[in-house]
Amino acid sequence: MNLFAIFAIYFLFWVMSAFFVLPIGIKTPNETGEKMVEGQADSAPSNFSPLKVVIRATLLSLVLFGLYYANYVNGWITTDDLDIVGDHR
């Protein structure tokens, strides 16, 4: 696997991880007791921290990519193991 492929696949894992960790720890103004601004959506977060999302996404993507790369090198799960159609001849 070349270096560009490693970075591209890691980036995909990072984006996927960012979407997974995005709602973790988010509270609405109703949950925190803050006063809402006129026109504010009820579901708008009041304690959003982008740095926490970046750190959590980076840690999760490192673990997931590490597992992916270890599987790539060692061949634990191959495409033959993922036969979802099944050959029923």
C-alpha atoms as a PDB file:
ATOM      1  CA  MET A   1       0.000   0.000   0.000  1.00  0.00           C
ATOM      2  CA  ASN A   2       1.517   3.320  -1.000  1.00  0.00           C
ATOM      3  CA  LEU A   3       1.688   6.402   1.220  1.00  0.00           C
ATOM      4  CA  PHE A   4      -1.053   8.281  -0.653  1.00  0.00           C
ATOM      5  CA  ALA A   5      -3.465   5.366  -0.192  1.00  0.00           C
ATOM      6  CA  ILE A   6      -2.669   5.252   3.528  1.00  0.00           C
ATOM      7  CA  PHE A   7      -3.447   8.966   3.931  1.00  0.00           C
ATOM      8  CA  ALA A   8      -6.610   8.739   1.813  1.00  0.00           C
ATOM      9  CA  ILE A   9      -7.989   5.756   3.742  1.00  0.00           C
ATOM     10  CA  TYR A  10      -7.046   7.331   7.087  1.00  0.00           C
ATOM     11  CA  PHE A  11      -8.872  10.518   6.042  1.00  0.00           C
ATOM     12  CA  LEU A  12     -11.991   8.473   5.274  1.00  0.00           C
ATOM     13  CA  PHE A  13     -11.760   6.823   8.690  1.00  0.00           C
ATOM     14  CA  TRP A  14     -11.318  10.251  10.311  1.00  0.00           C
ATOM     15  CA  VAL A  15     -14.402  11.750   8.630  1.00  0.00           C
ATOM     16  CA  MET A  16     -16.482   8.693   9.538  1.00  0.00           C
ATOM     17  CA  SER A  17     -15.214   8.892  13.131  1.00  0.00           C
ATOM     18  CA  ALA A  18     -16.008  12.616  13.328  1.00  0.00           C
ATOM     19  CA  PHE A  19     -19.638  11.908  12.471  1.00  0.00           C
ATOM     20  CA  PHE A  20     -19.749   9.136  15.084  1.00  0.00           C
ATOM     21  CA  VAL A  21     -18.357  11.288  17.912  1.00  0.00           C
ATOM     22  CA  LEU A  22     -20.119  14.542  16.963  1.00  0.00           C
ATOM     23  CA  PRO A  23     -23.206  14.059  19.185  1.00  0.00           C
ATOM     24  CA  ILE A  24     -21.280  12.749  22.227  1.00  0.00           C
ATOM     25  CA  GLY A  25     -21.680  15.051  25.223  1.00  0.00           C
ATOM     26  CA  ILE A  26     -23.847  17.633  23.447  1.00  0.00           C
ATOM     27  CA  LYS A  27     -26.578  19.241  25.543  1.00  0.00           C
ATOM     28  CA  THR A  28     -29.401  21.536  24.493  1.00  0.00           C
ATOM     29  CA  PRO A  29     -30.243  24.797  26.298  1.00  0.00           C
ATOM     30  CA  ASN A  30     -33.203  23.026  27.940  1.00  0.00           C
ATOM     31  CA  GLU A  31     -30.810  20.475  29.472  1.00  0.00           C
ATOM     32  CA  THR A  32     -28.255  23.066  30.652  1.00  0.00           C
ATOM     33  CA  GLY A  33     -30.801  25.625  31.854  1.00  0.00           C
ATOM     34  CA  GLU A  34     -29.520  28.394  29.577  1.00  0.00           C
ATOM     35  CA  LYS A  35     -31.838  31.012  28.146  1.00  0.00           C
ATOM     36  CA  MET A  36     -32.572  30.542  24.460  1.00  0.00           C
ATOM     37  CA  VAL A  37     -32.043  33.340  21.957  1.00  0.00           C
ATOM     38  CA  GLU A  38     -35.028  34.378  19.853  1.00  0.00           C
ATOM     39  CA  GLY A  39     -35.142  32.279  16.689  1.00  0.00           C
ATOM     40  CA  GLN A  40     -32.843  29.595  18.128  1.00  0.00           C
ATOM     41  CA  ALA A  41     -33.802  25.993  17.406  1.00  0.00           C
ATOM     42  CA  ASP A  42     -34.718  23.862  20.401  1.00  0.00           C
ATOM     43  CA  SER A  43     -32.140  21.285  19.346  1.00  0.00           C
ATOM     44  CA  ALA A  44     -29.233  23.737  18.952  1.00  0.00           C
ATOM     45  CA  PRO A  45     -26.286  22.686  21.127  1.00  0.00           C
ATOM     46  CA  SER A  46     -25.236  25.027  23.907  1.00  0.00           C
ATOM     47  CA  ASN A  47     -21.911  23.409  24.753  1.00  0.00           C
ATOM     48  CA  PHE A  48     -20.352  22.474  21.393  1.00  0.00           C
ATOM     49  CA  SER A  49     -16.557  22.127  21.504  1.00  0.00           C
ATOM     50  CA  PRO A  50     -14.911  21.533  18.104  1.00  0.00           C
ATOM     51  CA  LEU A  51     -11.551  20.714  19.700  1.00  0.00           C
ATOM     52  CA  LYS A  52     -13.089  17.824  21.650  1.00  0.00           C
ATOM     53  CA  VAL A  53     -14.658  16.493  18.459  1.00  0.00           C
ATOM     54  CA  VAL A  54     -11.314  16.660  16.635  1.00  0.00           C
ATOM     55  CA  ILE A  55      -9.453  14.898  19.458  1.00  0.00           C
ATOM     56  CA  ARG A  56     -12.078  12.174  19.846  1.00  0.00           C
ATOM     57  CA  ALA A  57     -12.310  11.637  16.079  1.00  0.00           C
ATOM     58  CA  THR A  58      -8.526  11.437  15.790  1.00  0.00           C
ATOM     59  CA  LEU A  59      -8.246   8.859  18.561  1.00  0.00           C
ATOM     60  CA  LEU A  60     -11.097   6.739  17.198  1.00  0.00           C
ATOM     61  CA  SER A  61      -9.788   6.909  13.633  1.00  0.00           C
ATOM     62  CA  LEU A  62      -6.291   5.892  14.783  1.00  0.00           C
ATOM     63  CA  VAL A  63      -7.724   2.773  16.429  1.00  0.00           C
ATOM     64  CA  LEU A  64      -9.964   1.910  13.474  1.00  0.00           C
ATOM     65  CA  PHE A  65      -7.245   2.528  10.887  1.00  0.00           C
ATOM     66  CA  GLY A  66      -4.784   0.529  12.983  1.00  0.00           C
ATOM     67  CA  LEU A  67      -7.165  -2.429  12.916  1.00  0.00           C
ATOM     68  CA  TYR A  68      -7.741  -1.970   9.188  1.00  0.00           C
ATOM     69  CA  TYR A  69      -4.010  -1.823   8.425  1.00  0.00           C
ATOM     70  CA  ALA A  70      -3.237  -4.810  10.670  1.00  0.00           C
ATOM     71  CA  ASN A  71      -5.894  -6.784   8.800  1.00  0.00           C
ATOM     72  CA  TYR A  72      -4.434  -5.609   5.474  1.00  0.00           C
ATOM     73  CA  VAL A  73      -0.951  -6.790   6.441  1.00  0.00           C
ATOM     74  CA  ASN A  74      -1.929 -10.055   8.159  1.00  0.00           C
ATOM     75  CA  GLY A  75      -4.944 -11.006   6.027  1.00  0.00           C
ATOM     76  CA  TRP A  76      -7.205 -11.972   8.930  1.00  0.00           C
ATOM     77  CA  ILE A  77     -10.397 -11.249   6.972  1.00  0.00           C
ATOM     78  CA  THR A  78     -10.291 -11.538   3.192  1.00  0.00           C
ATOM     79  CA  THR A  79     -12.875 -11.030   0.471  1.00  0.00           C
ATOM     80  CA  ASP A  80     -13.429 -14.787   0.407  1.00  0.00           C
ATOM     81  CA  ASP A  81     -14.620 -14.567   4.028  1.00  0.00           C
ATOM     82  CA  LEU A  82     -17.202 -11.930   3.059  1.00  0.00           C
ATOM     83  CA  ASP A  83     -19.211 -14.020   0.612  1.00  0.00           C
ATOM     84  CA  ILE A  84     -22.674 -12.596   1.302  1.00  0.00           C
ATOM     85  CA  VAL A  85     -24.367 -14.083  -1.771  1.00  0.00           C
ATOM     86  CA  GLY A  86     -23.255 -17.623  -1.077  1.00  0.00           C
ATOM     87  CA  ASP A  87     -22.418 -20.211  -3.696  1.00  0.00           C
ATOM     88  CA  HIS A  88     -25.218 -22.761  -3.423  1.00  0.00           C
ATOM     89  CA  ARG A  89     -24.414 -25.077  -6.315  1.00  0.00           C
END
